N, C-alpha and C. Protein backbone atom coordinates (compact mmCIF):
# COMPACT_ATOMS: atom_id res chain seq x y z
N MET A 1 -40.80 -40.34 48.91
CA MET A 1 -41.09 -40.20 47.48
C MET A 1 -41.12 -38.74 47.08
N ASN A 2 -41.82 -37.93 47.88
CA ASN A 2 -41.92 -36.50 47.58
C ASN A 2 -40.54 -35.83 47.62
N ARG A 3 -39.71 -36.30 48.59
CA ARG A 3 -38.37 -35.70 48.69
C ARG A 3 -37.55 -35.97 47.43
N ARG A 4 -37.66 -37.22 46.90
CA ARG A 4 -36.92 -37.55 45.68
C ARG A 4 -37.41 -36.71 44.51
N MET A 5 -38.73 -36.52 44.41
CA MET A 5 -39.29 -35.70 43.33
C MET A 5 -38.79 -34.26 43.42
N ASN A 6 -38.72 -33.72 44.63
CA ASN A 6 -38.27 -32.34 44.81
C ASN A 6 -36.80 -32.19 44.41
N ARG A 7 -35.98 -33.19 44.81
CA ARG A 7 -34.55 -33.12 44.43
C ARG A 7 -34.38 -33.19 42.92
N HIS A 8 -35.20 -34.01 42.28
CA HIS A 8 -35.14 -34.14 40.82
C HIS A 8 -35.48 -32.82 40.12
N LYS A 9 -36.55 -32.17 40.64
CA LYS A 9 -36.96 -30.89 40.05
C LYS A 9 -35.87 -29.83 40.25
N SER A 10 -35.23 -29.82 41.39
CA SER A 10 -34.16 -28.85 41.66
C SER A 10 -32.97 -29.07 40.72
N ALA A 11 -32.64 -30.33 40.48
CA ALA A 11 -31.53 -30.63 39.56
C ALA A 11 -31.83 -30.18 38.15
N LEU A 12 -33.08 -30.40 37.71
CA LEU A 12 -33.47 -29.96 36.36
C LEU A 12 -33.39 -28.45 36.24
N ALA A 13 -33.86 -27.74 37.26
CA ALA A 13 -33.84 -26.28 37.23
C ALA A 13 -32.40 -25.77 37.16
N ALA A 14 -31.50 -26.38 37.93
CA ALA A 14 -30.09 -25.95 37.91
C ALA A 14 -29.46 -26.19 36.55
N ALA A 15 -29.78 -27.35 35.96
CA ALA A 15 -29.22 -27.67 34.64
C ALA A 15 -29.69 -26.70 33.58
N SER A 16 -30.97 -26.25 33.71
CA SER A 16 -31.51 -25.33 32.70
C SER A 16 -30.84 -23.97 32.78
N LEU A 17 -30.26 -23.63 33.93
CA LEU A 17 -29.60 -22.34 34.08
C LEU A 17 -28.18 -22.34 33.56
N ARG A 18 -27.56 -23.53 33.44
CA ARG A 18 -26.15 -23.58 33.07
C ARG A 18 -25.85 -22.98 31.69
N PRO A 19 -26.61 -23.31 30.63
CA PRO A 19 -26.31 -22.72 29.33
C PRO A 19 -26.36 -21.21 29.37
N ALA A 20 -27.37 -20.64 30.03
CA ALA A 20 -27.50 -19.19 30.09
C ALA A 20 -26.31 -18.58 30.82
N ALA A 21 -25.90 -19.24 31.93
CA ALA A 21 -24.76 -18.73 32.68
C ALA A 21 -23.49 -18.81 31.84
N PHE A 22 -23.36 -19.87 31.05
CA PHE A 22 -22.17 -20.04 30.21
C PHE A 22 -22.10 -18.95 29.14
N VAL A 23 -23.26 -18.66 28.51
CA VAL A 23 -23.31 -17.61 27.49
C VAL A 23 -22.96 -16.27 28.09
N THR A 24 -23.48 -16.01 29.30
CA THR A 24 -23.19 -14.75 29.97
C THR A 24 -21.70 -14.62 30.25
N ALA A 25 -21.06 -15.71 30.67
CA ALA A 25 -19.62 -15.68 30.94
C ALA A 25 -18.82 -15.41 29.69
N LEU A 26 -19.25 -16.01 28.58
CA LEU A 26 -18.55 -15.75 27.32
C LEU A 26 -18.66 -14.29 26.91
N ALA A 27 -19.84 -13.73 27.08
CA ALA A 27 -20.06 -12.33 26.71
C ALA A 27 -19.18 -11.42 27.55
N LEU A 28 -19.09 -11.71 28.86
CA LEU A 28 -18.24 -10.89 29.73
C LEU A 28 -16.77 -10.99 29.33
N ALA A 29 -16.33 -12.20 28.96
CA ALA A 29 -14.94 -12.40 28.55
C ALA A 29 -14.64 -11.63 27.27
N ALA A 30 -15.59 -11.66 26.33
CA ALA A 30 -15.38 -10.96 25.06
C ALA A 30 -15.32 -9.46 25.30
N ALA A 31 -16.19 -8.96 26.19
CA ALA A 31 -16.19 -7.54 26.47
C ALA A 31 -14.88 -7.11 27.11
N SER A 32 -14.35 -7.94 28.00
CA SER A 32 -13.08 -7.62 28.65
C SER A 32 -11.95 -7.61 27.64
N ALA A 33 -11.96 -8.57 26.70
CA ALA A 33 -10.89 -8.67 25.70
C ALA A 33 -10.85 -7.46 24.81
N ALA A 34 -12.01 -6.83 24.60
CA ALA A 34 -12.06 -5.68 23.70
C ALA A 34 -11.24 -4.52 24.23
N PHE A 35 -11.02 -4.49 25.55
CA PHE A 35 -10.27 -3.40 26.14
C PHE A 35 -8.78 -3.70 26.29
N LEU A 36 -8.37 -4.92 25.93
CA LEU A 36 -6.95 -5.26 26.01
C LEU A 36 -6.22 -4.64 24.83
N PRO A 37 -4.96 -4.20 25.00
CA PRO A 37 -4.21 -3.62 23.87
C PRO A 37 -3.90 -4.67 22.83
N HIS A 38 -4.01 -4.29 21.55
CA HIS A 38 -3.72 -5.21 20.45
C HIS A 38 -2.24 -5.13 20.12
N PRO A 39 -1.61 -6.24 19.76
CA PRO A 39 -0.19 -6.18 19.37
C PRO A 39 -0.02 -5.37 18.09
N ALA A 40 1.12 -4.70 17.97
CA ALA A 40 1.39 -3.90 16.78
C ALA A 40 1.51 -4.80 15.57
N ARG A 41 0.97 -4.38 14.45
CA ARG A 41 1.07 -5.13 13.20
C ARG A 41 2.23 -4.59 12.39
N ALA A 42 2.73 -5.43 11.48
CA ALA A 42 3.85 -4.99 10.64
C ALA A 42 3.47 -3.75 9.85
N ALA A 43 2.20 -3.68 9.42
CA ALA A 43 1.77 -2.56 8.59
C ALA A 43 1.79 -1.25 9.35
N ASP A 44 1.84 -1.31 10.69
CA ASP A 44 1.85 -0.10 11.49
C ASP A 44 3.24 0.49 11.66
N LYS A 45 4.27 -0.25 11.25
CA LYS A 45 5.64 0.19 11.47
C LYS A 45 6.09 1.15 10.37
N PRO A 46 6.65 2.30 10.73
CA PRO A 46 7.19 3.18 9.69
C PRO A 46 8.47 2.59 9.12
N ALA A 47 8.76 2.90 7.89
CA ALA A 47 10.00 2.42 7.28
C ALA A 47 11.18 3.02 8.02
N PRO A 48 12.19 2.20 8.35
CA PRO A 48 13.35 2.73 9.08
C PRO A 48 14.19 3.64 8.20
N ILE A 49 14.86 4.60 8.83
CA ILE A 49 15.78 5.47 8.10
C ILE A 49 17.07 4.70 7.90
N PRO A 50 17.56 4.57 6.67
CA PRO A 50 18.79 3.81 6.43
C PRO A 50 19.98 4.45 7.15
N THR A 51 20.99 3.65 7.40
CA THR A 51 22.22 4.17 8.00
C THR A 51 22.88 5.14 7.03
N PRO A 52 23.65 6.10 7.54
CA PRO A 52 24.30 7.06 6.65
C PRO A 52 25.10 6.37 5.56
N ALA A 53 25.02 6.93 4.36
CA ALA A 53 25.72 6.34 3.23
C ALA A 53 27.21 6.60 3.32
N PRO A 54 28.03 5.73 2.72
CA PRO A 54 29.47 5.99 2.70
C PRO A 54 29.77 7.24 1.89
N ALA A 55 30.92 7.81 2.09
CA ALA A 55 31.30 9.02 1.37
C ALA A 55 31.33 8.73 -0.13
N ALA A 56 30.89 9.72 -0.90
CA ALA A 56 30.87 9.57 -2.35
C ALA A 56 32.30 9.55 -2.89
N ALA A 57 32.45 8.89 -4.03
CA ALA A 57 33.77 8.86 -4.66
C ALA A 57 34.15 10.27 -5.12
N PRO A 58 35.44 10.59 -5.15
CA PRO A 58 35.85 11.90 -5.68
C PRO A 58 35.30 12.10 -7.08
N ALA A 59 35.02 13.36 -7.41
CA ALA A 59 34.38 13.67 -8.69
C ALA A 59 35.13 13.06 -9.88
N GLY A 60 36.46 13.05 -9.81
CA GLY A 60 37.25 12.52 -10.92
C GLY A 60 37.07 11.02 -11.10
N ASN A 61 36.64 10.31 -10.06
CA ASN A 61 36.46 8.86 -10.13
C ASN A 61 35.00 8.45 -10.33
N CYS A 62 34.14 9.42 -10.48
CA CYS A 62 32.70 9.13 -10.61
C CYS A 62 32.29 9.13 -12.07
N PRO A 63 31.77 8.01 -12.56
CA PRO A 63 31.33 7.97 -13.96
C PRO A 63 30.10 8.84 -14.19
N ALA A 64 29.93 9.27 -15.42
CA ALA A 64 28.80 10.15 -15.75
C ALA A 64 27.46 9.50 -15.43
N SER A 65 27.39 8.17 -15.53
CA SER A 65 26.12 7.46 -15.30
C SER A 65 25.68 7.52 -13.84
N LEU A 66 26.61 7.87 -12.93
CA LEU A 66 26.28 7.93 -11.50
C LEU A 66 26.48 9.33 -10.91
N ASN A 67 26.86 10.27 -11.72
CA ASN A 67 27.17 11.61 -11.22
C ASN A 67 25.90 12.45 -11.06
N PHE A 68 25.05 11.96 -10.15
CA PHE A 68 23.76 12.62 -9.89
C PHE A 68 23.49 12.63 -8.39
N GLN A 69 22.62 13.52 -8.00
CA GLN A 69 22.18 13.57 -6.60
C GLN A 69 20.66 13.59 -6.55
N PHE A 70 20.11 12.73 -5.69
CA PHE A 70 18.65 12.64 -5.54
C PHE A 70 18.31 12.57 -4.05
N PRO A 71 17.11 13.00 -3.69
CA PRO A 71 16.70 12.85 -2.28
C PRO A 71 16.38 11.39 -1.97
N ARG A 72 16.70 10.96 -0.76
CA ARG A 72 16.35 9.62 -0.31
C ARG A 72 14.85 9.58 -0.05
N LEU A 73 14.21 8.48 -0.38
CA LEU A 73 12.76 8.37 -0.25
C LEU A 73 12.29 8.56 1.18
N GLN A 74 12.97 7.94 2.15
CA GLN A 74 12.47 7.90 3.52
C GLN A 74 12.49 9.26 4.21
N ASP A 75 13.50 10.08 3.92
CA ASP A 75 13.63 11.34 4.66
C ASP A 75 14.11 12.52 3.82
N GLU A 76 14.22 12.33 2.50
CA GLU A 76 14.63 13.37 1.57
C GLU A 76 16.07 13.84 1.78
N ALA A 77 16.86 13.07 2.53
CA ALA A 77 18.28 13.41 2.67
C ALA A 77 18.96 13.25 1.31
N PRO A 78 19.77 14.22 0.88
CA PRO A 78 20.40 14.13 -0.45
C PRO A 78 21.36 12.95 -0.54
N GLN A 79 21.27 12.24 -1.64
CA GLN A 79 22.11 11.06 -1.87
C GLN A 79 22.92 11.26 -3.15
N ASN A 80 24.23 11.29 -3.01
CA ASN A 80 25.11 11.39 -4.16
C ASN A 80 25.38 9.99 -4.68
N LEU A 81 24.97 9.71 -5.90
CA LEU A 81 25.10 8.35 -6.43
C LEU A 81 26.55 7.98 -6.76
N CYS A 82 27.45 8.94 -6.67
CA CYS A 82 28.86 8.62 -6.86
C CYS A 82 29.35 7.64 -5.79
N GLN A 83 28.63 7.55 -4.69
CA GLN A 83 29.01 6.60 -3.63
C GLN A 83 28.98 5.15 -4.13
N TYR A 84 28.28 4.90 -5.25
CA TYR A 84 28.18 3.55 -5.78
C TYR A 84 29.15 3.28 -6.93
N ALA A 85 30.08 4.21 -7.15
CA ALA A 85 31.09 4.00 -8.19
C ALA A 85 31.88 2.73 -7.87
N GLY A 86 32.15 1.93 -8.89
CA GLY A 86 32.88 0.68 -8.71
C GLY A 86 31.99 -0.51 -8.42
N LYS A 87 30.69 -0.27 -8.27
CA LYS A 87 29.74 -1.36 -8.03
C LYS A 87 28.96 -1.67 -9.31
N VAL A 88 28.31 -2.82 -9.33
CA VAL A 88 27.34 -3.13 -10.38
C VAL A 88 26.00 -2.58 -9.91
N VAL A 89 25.39 -1.73 -10.73
CA VAL A 89 24.19 -1.02 -10.30
C VAL A 89 22.99 -1.46 -11.15
N LEU A 90 21.94 -1.87 -10.47
CA LEU A 90 20.67 -2.21 -11.13
C LEU A 90 19.69 -1.10 -10.81
N VAL A 91 19.20 -0.42 -11.84
CA VAL A 91 18.30 0.72 -11.68
C VAL A 91 16.89 0.30 -12.12
N VAL A 92 15.91 0.54 -11.27
CA VAL A 92 14.54 0.07 -11.53
C VAL A 92 13.54 1.17 -11.19
N ASN A 93 12.61 1.47 -12.10
CA ASN A 93 11.51 2.38 -11.76
C ASN A 93 10.37 1.56 -11.18
N THR A 94 9.85 1.99 -10.05
CA THR A 94 8.91 1.17 -9.28
C THR A 94 7.55 1.84 -9.12
N ALA A 95 6.57 1.03 -8.70
CA ALA A 95 5.22 1.53 -8.42
C ALA A 95 4.53 0.55 -7.47
N SER A 96 3.64 1.09 -6.65
CA SER A 96 2.98 0.28 -5.61
C SER A 96 1.71 -0.41 -6.08
N TYR A 97 1.12 0.05 -7.19
CA TYR A 97 -0.17 -0.48 -7.62
C TYR A 97 -0.08 -1.03 -9.04
N CYS A 98 0.89 -1.88 -9.27
CA CYS A 98 1.15 -2.42 -10.59
C CYS A 98 1.13 -3.94 -10.52
N GLY A 99 0.82 -4.57 -11.62
CA GLY A 99 0.85 -6.02 -11.65
C GLY A 99 2.24 -6.58 -11.42
N PHE A 100 3.27 -5.76 -11.65
CA PHE A 100 4.65 -6.19 -11.43
C PHE A 100 5.18 -5.81 -10.04
N THR A 101 4.34 -5.19 -9.22
CA THR A 101 4.79 -4.76 -7.89
C THR A 101 5.41 -5.89 -7.06
N PRO A 102 4.91 -7.13 -7.13
CA PRO A 102 5.55 -8.21 -6.36
C PRO A 102 7.03 -8.43 -6.70
N GLN A 103 7.51 -7.83 -7.80
CA GLN A 103 8.94 -7.94 -8.10
C GLN A 103 9.81 -7.29 -7.02
N TYR A 104 9.21 -6.43 -6.19
CA TYR A 104 9.96 -5.86 -5.06
C TYR A 104 10.63 -6.98 -4.25
N GLU A 105 9.89 -8.05 -4.03
CA GLU A 105 10.40 -9.15 -3.21
C GLU A 105 11.65 -9.77 -3.86
N GLY A 106 11.57 -10.01 -5.16
CA GLY A 106 12.71 -10.58 -5.87
C GLY A 106 13.89 -9.63 -5.95
N LEU A 107 13.62 -8.35 -6.08
CA LEU A 107 14.70 -7.36 -6.13
C LEU A 107 15.43 -7.30 -4.79
N GLU A 108 14.66 -7.36 -3.70
CA GLU A 108 15.28 -7.36 -2.38
C GLU A 108 16.11 -8.63 -2.17
N ALA A 109 15.59 -9.77 -2.64
CA ALA A 109 16.33 -11.03 -2.52
C ALA A 109 17.63 -10.96 -3.32
N LEU A 110 17.58 -10.36 -4.49
CA LEU A 110 18.76 -10.20 -5.34
C LEU A 110 19.79 -9.32 -4.64
N TYR A 111 19.32 -8.22 -4.08
CA TYR A 111 20.20 -7.29 -3.35
C TYR A 111 20.84 -7.98 -2.15
N SER A 112 20.03 -8.70 -1.39
CA SER A 112 20.53 -9.39 -0.21
C SER A 112 21.57 -10.46 -0.59
N ARG A 113 21.35 -11.12 -1.68
CA ARG A 113 22.24 -12.21 -2.10
C ARG A 113 23.58 -11.70 -2.60
N TYR A 114 23.59 -10.57 -3.34
CA TYR A 114 24.80 -10.14 -4.02
C TYR A 114 25.41 -8.83 -3.51
N ARG A 115 24.83 -8.21 -2.53
CA ARG A 115 25.33 -6.90 -2.10
C ARG A 115 26.77 -6.98 -1.61
N GLU A 116 27.13 -8.07 -0.93
CA GLU A 116 28.50 -8.19 -0.43
C GLU A 116 29.51 -8.38 -1.57
N ARG A 117 29.02 -8.78 -2.71
CA ARG A 117 29.91 -8.94 -3.87
C ARG A 117 29.95 -7.67 -4.73
N GLY A 118 29.13 -6.68 -4.36
CA GLY A 118 29.22 -5.40 -5.06
C GLY A 118 28.01 -4.98 -5.86
N LEU A 119 26.86 -5.63 -5.65
CA LEU A 119 25.64 -5.21 -6.36
C LEU A 119 24.86 -4.21 -5.51
N VAL A 120 24.35 -3.18 -6.14
CA VAL A 120 23.41 -2.29 -5.49
C VAL A 120 22.18 -2.14 -6.39
N VAL A 121 21.02 -2.16 -5.78
CA VAL A 121 19.76 -1.94 -6.49
C VAL A 121 19.27 -0.55 -6.13
N LEU A 122 18.94 0.26 -7.12
CA LEU A 122 18.41 1.60 -6.89
C LEU A 122 16.97 1.66 -7.38
N GLY A 123 16.05 1.95 -6.47
CA GLY A 123 14.64 2.05 -6.82
C GLY A 123 14.22 3.50 -7.01
N PHE A 124 13.53 3.76 -8.12
CA PHE A 124 13.03 5.10 -8.42
C PHE A 124 11.51 5.05 -8.54
N PRO A 125 10.77 5.34 -7.47
CA PRO A 125 9.31 5.36 -7.58
C PRO A 125 8.87 6.44 -8.58
N SER A 126 7.86 6.11 -9.36
CA SER A 126 7.38 7.07 -10.35
C SER A 126 5.89 6.84 -10.61
N ASN A 127 5.19 7.94 -10.82
CA ASN A 127 3.77 7.86 -11.16
C ASN A 127 3.53 8.10 -12.65
N ASP A 128 4.57 7.92 -13.45
CA ASP A 128 4.44 8.17 -14.88
C ASP A 128 3.41 7.27 -15.55
N PHE A 129 3.12 6.12 -14.94
CA PHE A 129 2.12 5.20 -15.50
C PHE A 129 0.88 5.14 -14.61
N SER A 130 0.72 6.19 -13.78
CA SER A 130 -0.49 6.38 -12.95
C SER A 130 -0.70 5.24 -11.95
N GLN A 131 0.39 4.67 -11.45
CA GLN A 131 0.26 3.56 -10.50
C GLN A 131 1.10 3.77 -9.23
N GLU A 132 1.52 5.02 -9.01
CA GLU A 132 2.25 5.36 -7.79
C GLU A 132 1.79 6.73 -7.29
N PRO A 133 0.52 6.82 -6.80
CA PRO A 133 -0.03 8.12 -6.40
C PRO A 133 0.38 8.58 -5.00
N GLY A 134 0.97 7.70 -4.19
CA GLY A 134 1.20 8.00 -2.78
C GLY A 134 2.30 9.00 -2.50
N SER A 135 2.35 9.45 -1.24
CA SER A 135 3.42 10.33 -0.78
C SER A 135 4.69 9.50 -0.57
N ALA A 136 5.79 10.20 -0.33
CA ALA A 136 7.06 9.50 -0.07
C ALA A 136 6.94 8.58 1.13
N LYS A 137 6.32 9.05 2.19
CA LYS A 137 6.17 8.22 3.40
C LYS A 137 5.30 7.00 3.11
N GLU A 138 4.20 7.20 2.39
CA GLU A 138 3.32 6.06 2.08
C GLU A 138 4.05 5.01 1.25
N ILE A 139 4.84 5.48 0.29
CA ILE A 139 5.59 4.54 -0.56
C ILE A 139 6.64 3.80 0.27
N ALA A 140 7.38 4.54 1.08
CA ALA A 140 8.45 3.92 1.89
C ALA A 140 7.86 2.89 2.86
N ASP A 141 6.76 3.25 3.53
CA ASP A 141 6.15 2.32 4.49
C ASP A 141 5.61 1.08 3.79
N PHE A 142 5.01 1.29 2.61
CA PHE A 142 4.48 0.16 1.84
C PHE A 142 5.61 -0.80 1.45
N CYS A 143 6.70 -0.26 0.93
CA CYS A 143 7.82 -1.10 0.49
C CYS A 143 8.40 -1.91 1.65
N TYR A 144 8.56 -1.24 2.79
CA TYR A 144 9.18 -1.91 3.94
C TYR A 144 8.24 -2.94 4.56
N ASN A 145 6.99 -2.56 4.78
CA ASN A 145 6.06 -3.45 5.49
C ASN A 145 5.55 -4.60 4.63
N THR A 146 5.44 -4.38 3.34
CA THR A 146 4.89 -5.41 2.45
C THR A 146 5.97 -6.33 1.91
N TYR A 147 7.13 -5.77 1.56
CA TYR A 147 8.16 -6.57 0.91
C TYR A 147 9.52 -6.53 1.61
N GLY A 148 9.60 -5.85 2.74
CA GLY A 148 10.87 -5.80 3.48
C GLY A 148 12.00 -5.15 2.71
N VAL A 149 11.68 -4.15 1.89
CA VAL A 149 12.68 -3.53 1.03
C VAL A 149 13.72 -2.78 1.86
N LYS A 150 14.99 -3.11 1.62
CA LYS A 150 16.10 -2.43 2.28
C LYS A 150 17.08 -1.83 1.27
N PHE A 151 16.92 -2.16 0.00
CA PHE A 151 17.81 -1.55 -0.98
C PHE A 151 17.50 -0.06 -1.12
N PRO A 152 18.45 0.76 -1.56
CA PRO A 152 18.24 2.20 -1.62
C PRO A 152 17.05 2.60 -2.51
N MET A 153 16.19 3.44 -1.96
CA MET A 153 15.06 3.98 -2.69
C MET A 153 15.20 5.49 -2.74
N LEU A 154 15.08 6.04 -3.93
CA LEU A 154 15.19 7.48 -4.11
C LEU A 154 13.81 8.12 -4.18
N GLY A 155 13.79 9.45 -4.13
CA GLY A 155 12.52 10.16 -4.14
C GLY A 155 11.74 9.95 -5.43
N LYS A 156 10.44 10.12 -5.32
CA LYS A 156 9.53 9.96 -6.46
C LYS A 156 9.88 10.99 -7.55
N SER A 157 9.95 10.52 -8.79
CA SER A 157 10.33 11.43 -9.88
C SER A 157 9.79 10.89 -11.20
N HIS A 158 10.03 11.64 -12.26
CA HIS A 158 9.65 11.21 -13.60
C HIS A 158 10.79 10.42 -14.23
N VAL A 159 10.45 9.33 -14.91
CA VAL A 159 11.47 8.49 -15.54
C VAL A 159 11.35 8.50 -17.06
N ARG A 160 10.45 9.31 -17.58
CA ARG A 160 10.29 9.45 -19.03
C ARG A 160 9.54 10.75 -19.29
N GLY A 161 9.54 11.19 -20.54
CA GLY A 161 8.80 12.40 -20.89
C GLY A 161 9.61 13.67 -20.70
N GLY A 162 8.92 14.80 -20.81
CA GLY A 162 9.59 16.10 -20.77
C GLY A 162 10.23 16.43 -19.43
N ASP A 163 9.70 15.87 -18.35
CA ASP A 163 10.25 16.16 -17.02
C ASP A 163 11.10 15.01 -16.47
N VAL A 164 11.63 14.18 -17.34
CA VAL A 164 12.42 13.02 -16.91
C VAL A 164 13.59 13.46 -16.04
N ASN A 165 13.88 12.67 -15.00
CA ASN A 165 15.02 13.03 -14.16
C ASN A 165 16.32 12.78 -14.94
N PRO A 166 17.39 13.49 -14.59
CA PRO A 166 18.61 13.45 -15.43
C PRO A 166 19.24 12.07 -15.56
N MET A 167 19.13 11.22 -14.54
CA MET A 167 19.73 9.90 -14.66
C MET A 167 18.98 9.08 -15.70
N TYR A 168 17.66 9.15 -15.67
CA TYR A 168 16.88 8.38 -16.63
C TYR A 168 17.01 8.94 -18.04
N ALA A 169 17.25 10.24 -18.17
CA ALA A 169 17.52 10.81 -19.49
C ALA A 169 18.79 10.19 -20.06
N LEU A 170 19.81 10.04 -19.20
CA LEU A 170 21.06 9.42 -19.66
C LEU A 170 20.86 7.94 -19.97
N LEU A 171 20.11 7.22 -19.13
CA LEU A 171 19.88 5.79 -19.37
C LEU A 171 19.17 5.57 -20.70
N ALA A 172 18.17 6.42 -20.99
CA ALA A 172 17.45 6.30 -22.26
C ALA A 172 18.36 6.60 -23.45
N LYS A 173 19.22 7.60 -23.28
CA LYS A 173 20.15 7.96 -24.36
C LYS A 173 21.14 6.84 -24.63
N GLU A 174 21.67 6.25 -23.54
CA GLU A 174 22.69 5.21 -23.69
C GLU A 174 22.14 3.91 -24.27
N THR A 175 20.89 3.58 -23.94
CA THR A 175 20.32 2.31 -24.39
C THR A 175 19.36 2.45 -25.57
N GLY A 176 18.95 3.68 -25.84
CA GLY A 176 17.99 3.90 -26.91
C GLY A 176 16.57 3.57 -26.53
N THR A 177 16.32 3.36 -25.22
CA THR A 177 14.96 3.03 -24.79
C THR A 177 14.67 3.61 -23.41
N ALA A 178 13.52 4.28 -23.31
CA ALA A 178 13.02 4.76 -22.02
C ALA A 178 12.11 3.68 -21.44
N PRO A 179 11.84 3.73 -20.14
CA PRO A 179 10.93 2.73 -19.56
C PRO A 179 9.57 2.73 -20.27
N LYS A 180 9.13 1.55 -20.65
CA LYS A 180 7.83 1.41 -21.29
C LYS A 180 6.74 1.08 -20.27
N TRP A 181 7.17 0.73 -19.07
CA TRP A 181 6.22 0.42 -17.99
C TRP A 181 7.00 0.41 -16.68
N ASN A 182 6.31 0.17 -15.58
CA ASN A 182 6.98 0.06 -14.28
C ASN A 182 7.89 -1.18 -14.24
N PHE A 183 8.90 -1.10 -13.41
CA PHE A 183 9.86 -2.20 -13.19
C PHE A 183 10.67 -2.52 -14.44
N TYR A 184 10.93 -1.47 -15.24
CA TYR A 184 11.91 -1.56 -16.32
C TYR A 184 13.29 -1.54 -15.67
N LYS A 185 14.26 -2.22 -16.23
CA LYS A 185 15.53 -2.41 -15.53
C LYS A 185 16.72 -2.03 -16.42
N TYR A 186 17.71 -1.39 -15.79
CA TYR A 186 18.96 -1.05 -16.46
C TYR A 186 20.12 -1.57 -15.61
N LEU A 187 21.16 -2.04 -16.27
CA LEU A 187 22.36 -2.50 -15.57
C LEU A 187 23.54 -1.61 -15.94
N ILE A 188 24.28 -1.20 -14.91
CA ILE A 188 25.49 -0.39 -15.08
C ILE A 188 26.65 -1.20 -14.52
N ASP A 189 27.74 -1.34 -15.29
CA ASP A 189 28.85 -2.16 -14.83
C ASP A 189 29.76 -1.38 -13.87
N ARG A 190 30.81 -2.04 -13.39
CA ARG A 190 31.69 -1.44 -12.39
C ARG A 190 32.41 -0.19 -12.90
N SER A 191 32.56 -0.08 -14.21
CA SER A 191 33.22 1.09 -14.80
C SER A 191 32.26 2.22 -15.11
N GLY A 192 30.97 1.98 -14.85
CA GLY A 192 29.98 3.04 -15.08
C GLY A 192 29.33 2.99 -16.45
N ASN A 193 29.59 1.93 -17.20
CA ASN A 193 28.96 1.79 -18.52
C ASN A 193 27.55 1.23 -18.38
N VAL A 194 26.61 1.82 -19.09
CA VAL A 194 25.24 1.27 -19.11
C VAL A 194 25.26 0.14 -20.13
N VAL A 195 25.15 -1.08 -19.65
CA VAL A 195 25.43 -2.23 -20.52
C VAL A 195 24.19 -2.98 -21.00
N ALA A 196 23.05 -2.80 -20.34
CA ALA A 196 21.88 -3.57 -20.75
C ALA A 196 20.61 -2.96 -20.17
N SER A 197 19.51 -3.22 -20.85
CA SER A 197 18.18 -2.85 -20.34
C SER A 197 17.27 -4.05 -20.48
N TYR A 198 16.28 -4.14 -19.59
CA TYR A 198 15.38 -5.29 -19.56
C TYR A 198 13.95 -4.79 -19.34
N ASN A 199 13.01 -5.43 -20.04
CA ASN A 199 11.63 -4.99 -19.89
C ASN A 199 11.03 -5.48 -18.57
N SER A 200 9.82 -5.02 -18.32
CA SER A 200 9.16 -5.29 -17.03
C SER A 200 8.91 -6.77 -16.79
N LYS A 201 8.78 -7.54 -17.85
CA LYS A 201 8.47 -8.96 -17.71
C LYS A 201 9.69 -9.78 -17.27
N THR A 202 10.88 -9.18 -17.34
CA THR A 202 12.07 -9.87 -16.87
C THR A 202 12.07 -9.85 -15.35
N THR A 203 11.87 -10.99 -14.75
CA THR A 203 11.78 -11.07 -13.30
C THR A 203 13.18 -11.05 -12.67
N PRO A 204 13.29 -10.64 -11.42
CA PRO A 204 14.60 -10.59 -10.78
C PRO A 204 15.30 -11.95 -10.68
N ASP A 205 14.55 -13.05 -10.78
CA ASP A 205 15.18 -14.37 -10.71
C ASP A 205 15.32 -15.03 -12.08
N ASP A 206 15.09 -14.26 -13.14
CA ASP A 206 15.27 -14.78 -14.50
C ASP A 206 16.71 -15.28 -14.66
N LYS A 207 16.89 -16.47 -15.18
CA LYS A 207 18.22 -17.10 -15.23
C LYS A 207 19.23 -16.29 -16.04
N GLN A 208 18.82 -15.80 -17.21
CA GLN A 208 19.73 -15.04 -18.05
C GLN A 208 20.07 -13.70 -17.40
N PHE A 209 19.09 -13.09 -16.76
CA PHE A 209 19.28 -11.82 -16.07
C PHE A 209 20.27 -11.99 -14.92
N VAL A 210 20.08 -13.01 -14.11
CA VAL A 210 20.97 -13.26 -12.97
C VAL A 210 22.37 -13.62 -13.47
N ALA A 211 22.44 -14.38 -14.55
CA ALA A 211 23.75 -14.74 -15.11
C ALA A 211 24.51 -13.49 -15.56
N LYS A 212 23.80 -12.53 -16.12
CA LYS A 212 24.44 -11.28 -16.55
C LYS A 212 24.97 -10.52 -15.34
N ILE A 213 24.21 -10.46 -14.27
CA ILE A 213 24.66 -9.79 -13.05
C ILE A 213 25.90 -10.47 -12.50
N GLU A 214 25.90 -11.81 -12.46
CA GLU A 214 27.06 -12.54 -11.96
C GLU A 214 28.30 -12.30 -12.82
N GLN A 215 28.08 -12.20 -14.12
CA GLN A 215 29.19 -11.92 -15.04
C GLN A 215 29.79 -10.55 -14.75
N LEU A 216 28.93 -9.55 -14.56
CA LEU A 216 29.41 -8.19 -14.26
C LEU A 216 30.10 -8.12 -12.91
N LEU A 217 29.60 -8.87 -11.93
CA LEU A 217 30.22 -8.87 -10.60
C LEU A 217 31.59 -9.52 -10.65
N ALA A 218 31.76 -10.50 -11.52
CA ALA A 218 33.03 -11.22 -11.61
C ALA A 218 34.12 -10.39 -12.30
N ASN A 219 33.71 -9.42 -13.09
CA ASN A 219 34.69 -8.60 -13.81
C ASN A 219 35.19 -7.47 -12.93
N PRO A 220 36.50 -7.33 -12.78
CA PRO A 220 37.03 -6.21 -12.02
C PRO A 220 36.77 -4.90 -12.75
N ARG A 221 36.87 -3.84 -12.01
CA ARG A 221 36.61 -2.53 -12.61
C ARG A 221 37.67 -2.20 -13.65
């Protein structure tokens, strides 16, 4: 009888130790995991440097609307916009901290869908509306990591006012309207004519907007 009682007490004592031992094991496992390397996150990746641009069109074949040179956002390499002569060009002033910033995704989708047919999207980051305070690297990394932007992005500049960059001065003159907010859009046809402007509320997948792009792509230069 005494032997059975002793075995029972020993079993109870062992059972009472199991939860504590289990908690200790969990703590040791968590401590070990803290020292394991964490996988890289998308946000940690720098924006890639685009492949070298094709040679610019000869000056005589470059329309006035594209006869400009700007630094590339990612590395400040000079970009002659004459390289886009003969294409349909969508020009957009962008910002990272705007209610319309998610349009980056739609613009990239538009570029991906129509680039082989001759569409190019040109992004011009600007702090004219106090919503793009970052450096060139911060802007480039944000665009790439958040929205996968691969369309050409130019250096940060002014798109309205006394210090407006020369391309936007021409766009405002041709259309009679300067950007009223971020993600204002201008379309240039294959011949270099500035044919339309669209306000910020026009989304990249707007049916009439897309139809206009398809119409311009269908027309030969």
